[in-house]
Amino acid sequence: MRIKVLTLAVGAFVLTGCYHVSVVHNRPGVMQQGAPTVVDKPFSHSFVAGLVPPPEVNVKDQCPNGVSKVETRHSFVNGLVAALTNSLYTPIHVRVTCAP
């Protein structure tokens, strides 16, 4: 019985892992000036375990010089919400860093 509980606990811990994807676009010849503008969306709405993707993040107004970095990840809270909704609602954390 004890081994079953331990196996279940380890399996649950492994399955709750978060993931993080980062895309960086460094434009040559551009010097960094001050702190860049960051657009942060902690709950971009995605459904059915990500099969219905979140809407496009339009940052044209906030980033007139383009985008330098895009990060998407599932935080612990995003994973908890997905688990509570049986993966019907699976929010994704999106963070966009503007080019200087």
PDB file of N, CA and C in Angstrom:
ATOM      1  N   MET A   1       0.832  -1.196   0.000  1.00  0.00           N
ATOM      2  CA  MET A   1       0.000   0.000   0.000  1.00  0.00           C
ATOM      3  C   MET A   1       0.876   1.259   0.000  1.00  0.00           C
ATOM      4  N   ARG A   2       1.943   1.226   0.780  1.00  0.00           N
ATOM      5  CA  ARG A   2       2.823   2.387   0.909  1.00  0.00           C
ATOM      6  C   ARG A   2       3.522   2.702  -0.418  1.00  0.00           C
ATOM      7  N   ILE A   3       3.920   1.664  -1.151  1.00  0.00           N
ATOM      8  CA  ILE A   3       4.584   1.860  -2.445  1.00  0.00           C
ATOM      9  C   ILE A   3       3.600   2.454  -3.452  1.00  0.00           C
ATOM     10  N   LYS A   4       2.352   2.029  -3.416  1.00  0.00           N
ATOM     11  CA  LYS A   4       1.341   2.577  -4.328  1.00  0.00           C
ATOM     12  C   LYS A   4       1.135   4.076  -4.082  1.00  0.00           C
ATOM     13  N   VAL A   5       1.072   4.462  -2.813  1.00  0.00           N
ATOM     14  CA  VAL A   5       0.876   5.871  -2.474  1.00  0.00           C
ATOM     15  C   VAL A   5       2.094   6.686  -2.913  1.00  0.00           C
ATOM     16  N   LEU A   6       3.287   6.159  -2.681  1.00  0.00           N
ATOM     17  CA  LEU A   6       4.504   6.847  -3.085  1.00  0.00           C
ATOM     18  C   LEU A   6       4.578   6.984  -4.607  1.00  0.00           C
ATOM     19  N   THR A   7       4.235   5.921  -5.319  1.00  0.00           N
ATOM     20  CA  THR A   7       4.223   5.970  -6.786  1.00  0.00           C
ATOM     21  C   THR A   7       3.208   6.980  -7.289  1.00  0.00           C
ATOM     22  N   LEU A   8       2.049   7.024  -6.682  1.00  0.00           N
ATOM     23  CA  LEU A   8       1.022   7.986  -7.064  1.00  0.00           C
ATOM     24  C   LEU A   8       1.481   9.416  -6.796  1.00  0.00           C
ATOM     25  N   ALA A   9       2.125   9.648  -5.659  1.00  0.00           N
ATOM     26  CA  ALA A   9       2.608  10.993  -5.319  1.00  0.00           C
ATOM     27  C   ALA A   9       3.699  11.439  -6.291  1.00  0.00           C
ATOM     28  N   VAL A  10       4.635  10.562  -6.612  1.00  0.00           N
ATOM     29  CA  VAL A  10       5.703  10.902  -7.553  1.00  0.00           C
ATOM     30  C   VAL A  10       5.116  11.162  -8.937  1.00  0.00           C
ATOM     31  N   GLY A  11       4.189  10.334  -9.363  1.00  0.00           N
ATOM     32  CA  GLY A  11       3.539  10.529 -10.664  1.00  0.00           C
ATOM     33  C   GLY A  11       2.790  11.850 -10.736  1.00  0.00           C
ATOM     34  N   ALA A  12       2.092  12.202  -9.669  1.00  0.00           N
ATOM     35  CA  ALA A  12       1.368  13.472  -9.644  1.00  0.00           C
ATOM     36  C   ALA A  12       2.333  14.645  -9.689  1.00  0.00           C
ATOM     37  N   PHE A  13       3.465  14.530  -8.999  1.00  0.00           N
ATOM     38  CA  PHE A  13       4.458  15.597  -9.009  1.00  0.00           C
ATOM     39  C   PHE A  13       5.063  15.771 -10.398  1.00  0.00           C
ATOM     40  N   VAL A  14       5.372  14.688 -11.062  1.00  0.00           N
ATOM     41  CA  VAL A  14       5.977  14.746 -12.398  1.00  0.00           C
ATOM     42  C   VAL A  14       4.984  15.325 -13.408  1.00  0.00           C
ATOM     43  N   LEU A  15       3.730  14.979 -13.304  1.00  0.00           N
ATOM     44  CA  LEU A  15       2.730  15.452 -14.255  1.00  0.00           C
ATOM     45  C   LEU A  15       2.351  16.911 -14.061  1.00  0.00           C
ATOM     46  N   THR A  16       2.729  17.533 -12.953  1.00  0.00           N
ATOM     47  CA  THR A  16       2.389  18.935 -12.727  1.00  0.00           C
ATOM     48  C   THR A  16       3.504  19.873 -13.159  1.00  0.00           C
ATOM     49  N   GLY A  17       4.459  19.388 -13.894  1.00  0.00           N
ATOM     50  CA  GLY A  17       5.581  20.212 -14.336  1.00  0.00           C
ATOM     51  C   GLY A  17       5.136  21.358 -15.223  1.00  0.00           C
ATOM     52  N   CYS A  18       5.822  22.469 -15.120  1.00  0.00           N
ATOM     53  CA  CYS A  18       5.531  23.640 -15.925  1.00  0.00           C
ATOM     54  C   CYS A  18       6.464  23.642 -17.133  1.00  0.00           C
ATOM     55  N   TYR A  19       6.045  24.283 -18.200  1.00  0.00           N
ATOM     56  CA  TYR A  19       6.963  24.419 -19.331  1.00  0.00           C
ATOM     57  C   TYR A  19       7.071  25.867 -19.713  1.00  0.00           C
ATOM     58  N   HIS A  20       8.163  26.176 -20.393  1.00  0.00           N
ATOM     59  CA  HIS A  20       8.482  27.559 -20.720  1.00  0.00           C
ATOM     60  C   HIS A  20       9.134  27.573 -22.095  1.00  0.00           C
ATOM     61  N   VAL A  21       8.574  28.354 -23.016  1.00  0.00           N
ATOM     62  CA  VAL A  21       9.141  28.515 -24.350  1.00  0.00           C
ATOM     63  C   VAL A  21       9.496  29.986 -24.520  1.00  0.00           C
ATOM     64  N   SER A  22      10.693  30.245 -25.000  1.00  0.00           N
ATOM     65  CA  SER A  22      11.155  31.614 -25.175  1.00  0.00           C
ATOM     66  C   SER A  22      11.719  31.773 -26.580  1.00  0.00           C
ATOM     67  N   VAL A  23      11.240  32.781 -27.310  1.00  0.00           N
ATOM     68  CA  VAL A  23      11.737  33.088 -28.652  1.00  0.00           C
ATOM     69  C   VAL A  23      12.357  34.474 -28.590  1.00  0.00           C
ATOM     70  N   VAL A  24      13.651  34.557 -28.933  1.00  0.00           N
ATOM     71  CA  VAL A  24      14.376  35.819 -28.858  1.00  0.00           C
ATOM     72  C   VAL A  24      14.777  36.240 -30.267  1.00  0.00           C
ATOM     73  N   HIS A  25      14.544  37.509 -30.574  1.00  0.00           N
ATOM     74  CA  HIS A  25      14.928  38.067 -31.867  1.00  0.00           C
ATOM     75  C   HIS A  25      15.812  39.270 -31.599  1.00  0.00           C
ATOM     76  N   ASN A  26      17.104  39.092 -31.764  1.00  0.00           N
ATOM     77  CA  ASN A  26      18.042  40.190 -31.551  1.00  0.00           C
ATOM     78  C   ASN A  26      18.293  40.881 -32.880  1.00  0.00           C
ATOM     79  N   ARG A  27      17.946  42.134 -32.955  1.00  0.00           N
ATOM     80  CA  ARG A  27      18.175  42.904 -34.179  1.00  0.00           C
ATOM     81  C   ARG A  27      19.566  43.512 -34.120  1.00  0.00           C
ATOM     82  N   PRO A  28      20.420  43.268 -35.117  1.00  0.00           N
ATOM     83  CA  PRO A  28      21.760  43.825 -35.088  1.00  0.00           C
ATOM     84  C   PRO A  28      21.744  45.338 -35.249  1.00  0.00           C
ATOM     85  N   GLY A  29      22.698  45.988 -34.599  1.00  0.00           N
ATOM     86  CA  GLY A  29      22.844  47.430 -34.745  1.00  0.00           C
ATOM     87  C   GLY A  29      21.931  48.255 -33.861  1.00  0.00           C
ATOM     88  N   VAL A  30      21.167  47.626 -32.990  1.00  0.00           N
ATOM     89  CA  VAL A  30      20.253  48.359 -32.099  1.00  0.00           C
ATOM     90  C   VAL A  30      20.827  48.326 -30.690  1.00  0.00           C
ATOM     91  N   MET A  31      21.019  49.476 -30.103  1.00  0.00           N
ATOM     92  CA  MET A  31      21.553  49.567 -28.749  1.00  0.00           C
ATOM     93  C   MET A  31      20.403  49.571 -27.740  1.00  0.00           C
ATOM     94  N   GLN A  32      20.609  48.920 -26.621  1.00  0.00           N
ATOM     95  CA  GLN A  32      19.613  48.877 -25.552  1.00  0.00           C
ATOM     96  C   GLN A  32      19.585  50.219 -24.829  1.00  0.00           C
ATOM     97  N   GLN A  33      18.413  50.827 -24.722  1.00  0.00           N
ATOM     98  CA  GLN A  33      18.265  52.116 -24.055  1.00  0.00           C
ATOM     99  C   GLN A  33      17.205  52.000 -22.971  1.00  0.00           C
ATOM    100  N   GLY A  34      17.618  52.011 -21.721  1.00  0.00           N
ATOM    101  CA  GLY A  34      16.659  51.945 -20.617  1.00  0.00           C
ATOM    102  C   GLY A  34      15.954  50.609 -20.549  1.00  0.00           C
ATOM    103  N   ALA A  35      14.900  50.571 -19.769  1.00  0.00           N
ATOM    104  CA  ALA A  35      14.124  49.345 -19.602  1.00  0.00           C
ATOM    105  C   ALA A  35      13.155  49.178 -20.771  1.00  0.00           C
ATOM    106  N   PRO A  36      13.119  48.006 -21.373  1.00  0.00           N
ATOM    107  CA  PRO A  36      12.206  47.794 -22.490  1.00  0.00           C
ATOM    108  C   PRO A  36      10.757  47.684 -22.013  1.00  0.00           C
ATOM    109  N   THR A  37       9.825  47.958 -22.914  1.00  0.00           N
ATOM    110  CA  THR A  37       8.404  47.797 -22.615  1.00  0.00           C
ATOM    111  C   THR A  37       8.067  46.313 -22.631  1.00  0.00           C
ATOM    112  N   VAL A  38       7.301  45.864 -21.646  1.00  0.00           N
ATOM    113  CA  VAL A  38       6.905  44.460 -21.543  1.00  0.00           C
ATOM    114  C   VAL A  38       5.385  44.389 -21.479  1.00  0.00           C
ATOM    115  N   VAL A  39       4.804  43.552 -22.332  1.00  0.00           N
ATOM    116  CA  VAL A  39       3.363  43.294 -22.320  1.00  0.00           C
ATOM    117  C   VAL A  39       3.179  41.922 -21.690  1.00  0.00           C
ATOM    118  N   ASP A  40       2.479  41.865 -20.566  1.00  0.00           N
ATOM    119  CA  ASP A  40       2.341  40.634 -19.787  1.00  0.00           C
ATOM    120  C   ASP A  40       0.879  40.216 -19.728  1.00  0.00           C
ATOM    121  N   LYS A  41       0.575  39.008 -20.200  1.00  0.00           N
ATOM    122  CA  LYS A  41      -0.782  38.461 -20.169  1.00  0.00           C
ATOM    123  C   LYS A  41      -0.739  37.132 -19.409  1.00  0.00           C
ATOM    124  N   PRO A  42      -1.019  37.144 -18.087  1.00  0.00           N
ATOM    125  CA  PRO A  42      -0.906  35.914 -17.296  1.00  0.00           C
ATOM    126  C   PRO A  42      -1.954  34.860 -17.629  1.00  0.00           C
ATOM    127  N   PHE A  43      -3.091  35.245 -18.186  1.00  0.00           N
ATOM    128  CA  PHE A  43      -4.143  34.282 -18.501  1.00  0.00           C
ATOM    129  C   PHE A  43      -4.646  34.498 -19.923  1.00  0.00           C
ATOM    130  N   SER A  44      -3.885  34.027 -20.906  1.00  0.00           N
ATOM    131  CA  SER A  44      -4.377  34.008 -22.286  1.00  0.00           C
ATOM    132  C   SER A  44      -5.238  32.767 -22.422  1.00  0.00           C
ATOM    133  N   HIS A  45      -6.469  32.952 -22.845  1.00  0.00           N
ATOM    134  CA  HIS A  45      -7.470  31.887 -22.796  1.00  0.00           C
ATOM    135  C   HIS A  45      -7.253  30.854 -23.892  1.00  0.00           C
ATOM    136  N   SER A  46      -7.024  29.614 -23.483  1.00  0.00           N
ATOM    137  CA  SER A  46      -6.870  28.477 -24.374  1.00  0.00           C
ATOM    138  C   SER A  46      -7.801  27.382 -23.872  1.00  0.00           C
ATOM    139  N   PHE A  47      -8.278  26.552 -24.774  1.00  0.00           N
ATOM    140  CA  PHE A  47      -9.274  25.545 -24.393  1.00  0.00           C
ATOM    141  C   PHE A  47      -8.886  24.162 -24.908  1.00  0.00           C
ATOM    142  N   VAL A  48      -9.470  23.148 -24.309  1.00  0.00           N
ATOM    143  CA  VAL A  48      -9.315  21.739 -24.674  1.00  0.00           C
ATOM    144  C   VAL A  48      -7.834  21.365 -24.774  1.00  0.00           C
ATOM    145  N   ALA A  49      -7.140  21.525 -23.672  1.00  0.00           N
ATOM    146  CA  ALA A  49      -5.726  21.168 -23.547  1.00  0.00           C
ATOM    147  C   ALA A  49      -4.859  21.842 -24.600  1.00  0.00           C
ATOM    148  N   GLY A  50      -5.219  23.046 -25.007  1.00  0.00           N
ATOM    149  CA  GLY A  50      -4.425  23.796 -25.977  1.00  0.00           C
ATOM    150  C   GLY A  50      -4.785  23.531 -27.428  1.00  0.00           C
ATOM    151  N   LEU A  51      -5.755  22.661 -27.684  1.00  0.00           N
ATOM    152  CA  LEU A  51      -6.172  22.414 -29.072  1.00  0.00           C
ATOM    153  C   LEU A  51      -6.844  23.644 -29.673  1.00  0.00           C
ATOM    154  N   VAL A  52      -7.528  24.414 -28.848  1.00  0.00           N
ATOM    155  CA  VAL A  52      -8.065  25.709 -29.268  1.00  0.00           C
ATOM    156  C   VAL A  52      -7.099  26.747 -28.703  1.00  0.00           C
ATOM    157  N   PRO A  53      -6.228  27.295 -29.555  1.00  0.00           N
ATOM    158  CA  PRO A  53      -5.167  28.178 -29.047  1.00  0.00           C
ATOM    159  C   PRO A  53      -5.704  29.512 -28.557  1.00  0.00           C
ATOM    160  N   PRO A  54      -4.892  30.215 -27.791  1.00  0.00           N
ATOM    161  CA  PRO A  54      -5.313  31.535 -27.323  1.00  0.00           C
ATOM    162  C   PRO A  54      -5.344  32.516 -28.490  1.00  0.00           C
ATOM    163  N   PRO A  55      -6.074  33.618 -28.338  1.00  0.00           N
ATOM    164  CA  PRO A  55      -6.113  34.604 -29.421  1.00  0.00           C
ATOM    165  C   PRO A  55      -4.742  35.249 -29.614  1.00  0.00           C
ATOM    166  N   GLU A  56      -4.542  35.780 -30.787  1.00  0.00           N
ATOM    167  CA  GLU A  56      -3.296  36.457 -31.109  1.00  0.00           C
ATOM    168  C   GLU A  56      -3.098  37.661 -30.194  1.00  0.00           C
ATOM    169  N   VAL A  57      -1.878  37.857 -29.736  1.00  0.00           N
ATOM    170  CA  VAL A  57      -1.556  39.009 -28.890  1.00  0.00           C
ATOM    171  C   VAL A  57      -1.064  40.117 -29.813  1.00  0.00           C
ATOM    172  N   ASN A  58      -1.844  41.171 -29.929  1.00  0.00           N
ATOM    173  CA  ASN A  58      -1.493  42.280 -30.819  1.00  0.00           C
ATOM    174  C   ASN A  58      -0.808  43.364 -29.994  1.00  0.00           C
ATOM    175  N   VAL A  59       0.499  43.546 -30.238  1.00  0.00           N
ATOM    176  CA  VAL A  59       1.271  44.531 -29.481  1.00  0.00           C
ATOM    177  C   VAL A  59       1.816  45.625 -30.397  1.00  0.00           C
ATOM    178  N   LYS A  60       1.181  45.807 -31.533  1.00  0.00           N
ATOM    179  CA  LYS A  60       1.652  46.804 -32.503  1.00  0.00           C
ATOM    180  C   LYS A  60       1.683  48.202 -31.895  1.00  0.00           C
ATOM    181  N   ASP A  61       0.682  48.552 -31.107  1.00  0.00           N
ATOM    182  CA  ASP A  61       0.631  49.882 -30.490  1.00  0.00           C
ATOM    183  C   ASP A  61       1.676  50.049 -29.394  1.00  0.00           C
ATOM    184  N   GLN A  62       1.901  48.998 -28.599  1.00  0.00           N
ATOM    185  CA  GLN A  62       2.852  49.078 -27.498  1.00  0.00           C
ATOM    186  C   GLN A  62       4.306  48.927 -27.974  1.00  0.00           C
ATOM    187  N   CYS A  63       4.517  48.262 -29.103  1.00  0.00           N
ATOM    188  CA  CYS A  63       5.876  47.986 -29.601  1.00  0.00           C
ATOM    189  C   CYS A  63       6.053  48.567 -31.005  1.00  0.00           C
ATOM    190  N   PRO A  64       6.241  49.884 -31.138  1.00  0.00           N
ATOM    191  CA  PRO A  64       6.364  50.476 -32.474  1.00  0.00           C
ATOM    192  C   PRO A  64       7.614  50.017 -33.233  1.00  0.00           C
ATOM    193  N   ASN A  65       8.666  49.578 -32.513  1.00  0.00           N
ATOM    194  CA  ASN A  65       9.894  49.110 -33.162  1.00  0.00           C
ATOM    195  C   ASN A  65       9.924  47.598 -33.360  1.00  0.00           C
ATOM    196  N   GLY A  66       8.845  46.933 -33.075  1.00  0.00           N
ATOM    197  CA  GLY A  66       8.795  45.480 -33.223  1.00  0.00           C
ATOM    198  C   GLY A  66       8.984  44.768 -31.899  1.00  0.00           C
ATOM    199  N   VAL A  67       9.121  43.464 -31.992  1.00  0.00           N
ATOM    200  CA  VAL A  67       9.206  42.598 -30.819  1.00  0.00           C
ATOM    201  C   VAL A  67      10.613  42.024 -30.713  1.00  0.00           C
ATOM    202  N   SER A  68      11.142  42.013 -29.502  1.00  0.00           N
ATOM    203  CA  SER A  68      12.468  41.464 -29.257  1.00  0.00           C
ATOM    204  C   SER A  68      12.400  40.047 -28.698  1.00  0.00           C
ATOM    205  N   LYS A  69      11.402  39.764 -27.845  1.00  0.00           N
ATOM    206  CA  LYS A  69      11.327  38.468 -27.191  1.00  0.00           C
ATOM    207  C   LYS A  69       9.879  38.106 -26.898  1.00  0.00           C
ATOM    208  N   VAL A  70       9.528  36.832 -27.114  1.00  0.00           N
ATOM    209  CA  VAL A  70       8.194  36.317 -26.792  1.00  0.00           C
ATOM    210  C   VAL A  70       8.374  35.080 -25.918  1.00  0.00           C
ATOM    211  N   GLU A  71       7.698  35.069 -24.785  1.00  0.00           N
ATOM    212  CA  GLU A  71       7.754  33.931 -23.877  1.00  0.00           C
ATOM    213  C   GLU A  71       6.347  33.404 -23.647  1.00  0.00           C
ATOM    214  N   THR A  72       6.184  32.096 -23.731  1.00  0.00           N
ATOM    215  CA  THR A  72       4.923  31.452 -23.357  1.00  0.00           C
ATOM    216  C   THR A  72       5.246  30.367 -22.346  1.00  0.00           C
ATOM    217  N   ARG A  73       4.379  30.241 -21.360  1.00  0.00           N
ATOM    218  CA  ARG A  73       4.607  29.212 -20.356  1.00  0.00           C
ATOM    219  C   ARG A  73       3.313  28.888 -19.642  1.00  0.00           C
ATOM    220  N   HIS A  74       3.310  27.736 -19.030  1.00  0.00           N
ATOM    221  CA  HIS A  74       2.232  27.346 -18.127  1.00  0.00           C
ATOM    222  C   HIS A  74       2.797  27.484 -16.724  1.00  0.00           C
ATOM    223  N   SER A  75       2.270  28.394 -15.960  1.00  0.00           N
ATOM    224  CA  SER A  75       2.697  28.536 -14.573  1.00  0.00           C
ATOM    225  C   SER A  75       1.982  27.483 -13.724  1.00  0.00           C
ATOM    226  N   PHE A  76       2.355  27.408 -12.472  1.00  0.00           N
ATOM    227  CA  PHE A  76       1.689  26.474 -11.570  1.00  0.00           C
ATOM    228  C   PHE A  76       0.200  26.788 -11.472  1.00  0.00           C
ATOM    229  N   VAL A  77      -0.132  28.074 -11.380  1.00  0.00           N
ATOM    230  CA  VAL A  77      -1.541  28.482 -11.272  1.00  0.00           C
ATOM    231  C   VAL A  77      -2.296  28.117 -12.555  1.00  0.00           C
ATOM    232  N   ASN A  78      -1.658  28.325 -13.727  1.00  0.00           N
ATOM    233  CA  ASN A  78      -2.292  27.929 -14.982  1.00  0.00           C
ATOM    234  C   ASN A  78      -2.564  26.425 -15.005  1.00  0.00           C
ATOM    235  N   GLY A  79      -1.593  25.640 -14.546  1.00  0.00           N
ATOM    236  CA  GLY A  79      -1.766  24.191 -14.493  1.00  0.00           C
ATOM    237  C   GLY A  79      -2.832  23.765 -13.506  1.00  0.00           C
ATOM    238  N   LEU A  80      -2.916  24.481 -12.390  1.00  0.00           N
ATOM    239  CA  LEU A  80      -3.944  24.176 -11.392  1.00  0.00           C
ATOM    240  C   LEU A  80      -5.336  24.437 -11.954  1.00  0.00           C
ATOM    241  N   VAL A  81      -5.482  25.567 -12.649  1.00  0.00           N
ATOM    242  CA  VAL A  81      -6.774  25.881 -13.276  1.00  0.00           C
ATOM    243  C   VAL A  81      -7.122  24.825 -14.321  1.00  0.00           C
ATOM    244  N   ALA A  82      -6.142  24.412 -15.111  1.00  0.00           N
ATOM    245  CA  ALA A  82      -6.384  23.376 -16.120  1.00  0.00           C
ATOM    246  C   ALA A  82      -6.806  22.061 -15.461  1.00  0.00           C
ATOM    247  N   ALA A  83      -6.152  21.713 -14.349  1.00  0.00           N
ATOM    248  CA  ALA A  83      -6.502  20.476 -13.654  1.00  0.00           C
ATOM    249  C   ALA A  83      -7.911  20.544 -13.069  1.00  0.00           C
ATOM    250  N   LEU A  84      -8.272  21.703 -12.523  1.00  0.00           N
ATOM    251  CA  LEU A  84      -9.608  21.850 -11.933  1.00  0.00           C
ATOM    252  C   LEU A  84     -10.714  21.804 -12.978  1.00  0.00           C
ATOM    253  N   THR A  85     -10.398  22.207 -14.208  1.00  0.00           N
ATOM    254  CA  THR A  85     -11.410  22.182 -15.281  1.00  0.00           C
ATOM    255  C   THR A  85     -11.251  20.971 -16.187  1.00  0.00           C
ATOM    256  N   ASN A  86     -10.444  19.997 -15.747  1.00  0.00           N
ATOM    257  CA  ASN A  86     -10.218  18.781 -16.523  1.00  0.00           C
ATOM    258  C   ASN A  86      -9.679  19.105 -17.922  1.00  0.00           C
ATOM    259  N   SER A  87      -8.815  20.100 -18.005  1.00  0.00           N
ATOM    260  CA  SER A  87      -8.150  20.576 -19.233  1.00  0.00           C
ATOM    261  C   SER A  87      -9.109  21.155 -20.276  1.00  0.00           C
ATOM    262  N   LEU A  88     -10.323  21.479 -19.872  1.00  0.00           N
ATOM    263  CA  LEU A  88     -11.222  22.160 -20.807  1.00  0.00           C
ATOM    264  C   LEU A  88     -10.795  23.608 -20.982  1.00  0.00           C
ATOM    265  N   TYR A  89     -10.353  24.237 -19.902  1.00  0.00           N
ATOM    266  CA  TYR A  89      -9.814  25.596 -19.948  1.00  0.00           C
ATOM    267  C   TYR A  89      -8.356  25.516 -19.525  1.00  0.00           C
ATOM    268  N   THR A  90      -7.450  25.837 -20.434  1.00  0.00           N
ATOM    269  CA  THR A  90      -6.016  25.734 -20.152  1.00  0.00           C
ATOM    270  C   THR A  90      -5.339  27.065 -20.450  1.00  0.00           C
ATOM    271  N   PRO A  91      -5.310  27.972 -19.483  1.00  0.00           N
ATOM    272  CA  PRO A  91      -4.705  29.282 -19.724  1.00  0.00           C
ATOM    273  C   PRO A  91      -3.193  29.186 -19.919  1.00  0.00           C
ATOM    274  N   ILE A  92      -2.653  30.131 -20.669  1.00  0.00           N
ATOM    275  CA  ILE A  92      -1.222  30.204 -20.955  1.00  0.00           C
ATOM    276  C   ILE A  92      -0.737  31.611 -20.592  1.00  0.00           C
ATOM    277  N   HIS A  93       0.420  31.680 -19.966  1.00  0.00           N
ATOM    278  CA  HIS A  93       1.034  32.968 -19.610  1.00  0.00           C
ATOM    279  C   HIS A  93       1.886  33.427 -20.801  1.00  0.00           C
ATOM    280  N   VAL A  94       1.582  34.595 -21.357  1.00  0.00           N
ATOM    281  CA  VAL A  94       2.316  35.144 -22.501  1.00  0.00           C
ATOM    282  C   VAL A  94       2.975  36.461 -22.067  1.00  0.00           C
ATOM    283  N   ARG A  95       4.250  36.585 -22.388  1.00  0.00           N
ATOM    284  CA  ARG A  95       5.011  37.801 -22.050  1.00  0.00           C
ATOM    285  C   ARG A  95       5.787  38.233 -23.287  1.00  0.00           C
ATOM    286  N   VAL A  96       5.537  39.449 -23.750  1.00  0.00           N
ATOM    287  CA  VAL A  96       6.186  39.992 -24.943  1.00  0.00           C
ATOM    288  C   VAL A  96       7.057  41.176 -24.542  1.00  0.00           C
ATOM    289  N   THR A  97       8.337  41.123 -24.932  1.00  0.00           N
ATOM    290  CA  THR A  97       9.265  42.214 -24.671  1.00  0.00           C
ATOM    291  C   THR A  97       9.479  42.964 -25.971  1.00  0.00           C
ATOM    292  N   CYS A  98       9.249  44.278 -25.952  1.00  0.00           N
ATOM    293  CA  CYS A  98       9.372  45.098 -27.147  1.00  0.00           C
ATOM    294  C   CYS A  98      10.835  45.378 -27.479  1.00  0.00           C
ATOM    295  N   ALA A  99      11.102  45.558 -28.765  1.00  0.00           N
ATOM    296  CA  ALA A  99      12.441  45.956 -29.214  1.00  0.00           C
ATOM    297  C   ALA A  99      12.667  47.412 -28.837  1.00  0.00           C
ATOM    298  N   PRO A 100      13.899  47.765 -28.511  1.00  0.00           N
ATOM    299  CA  PRO A 100      14.172  49.153 -28.117  1.00  0.00           C
ATOM    300  C   PRO A 100      14.061  50.105 -29.306  1.00  0.00           C
TER     301      PRO A 100
END
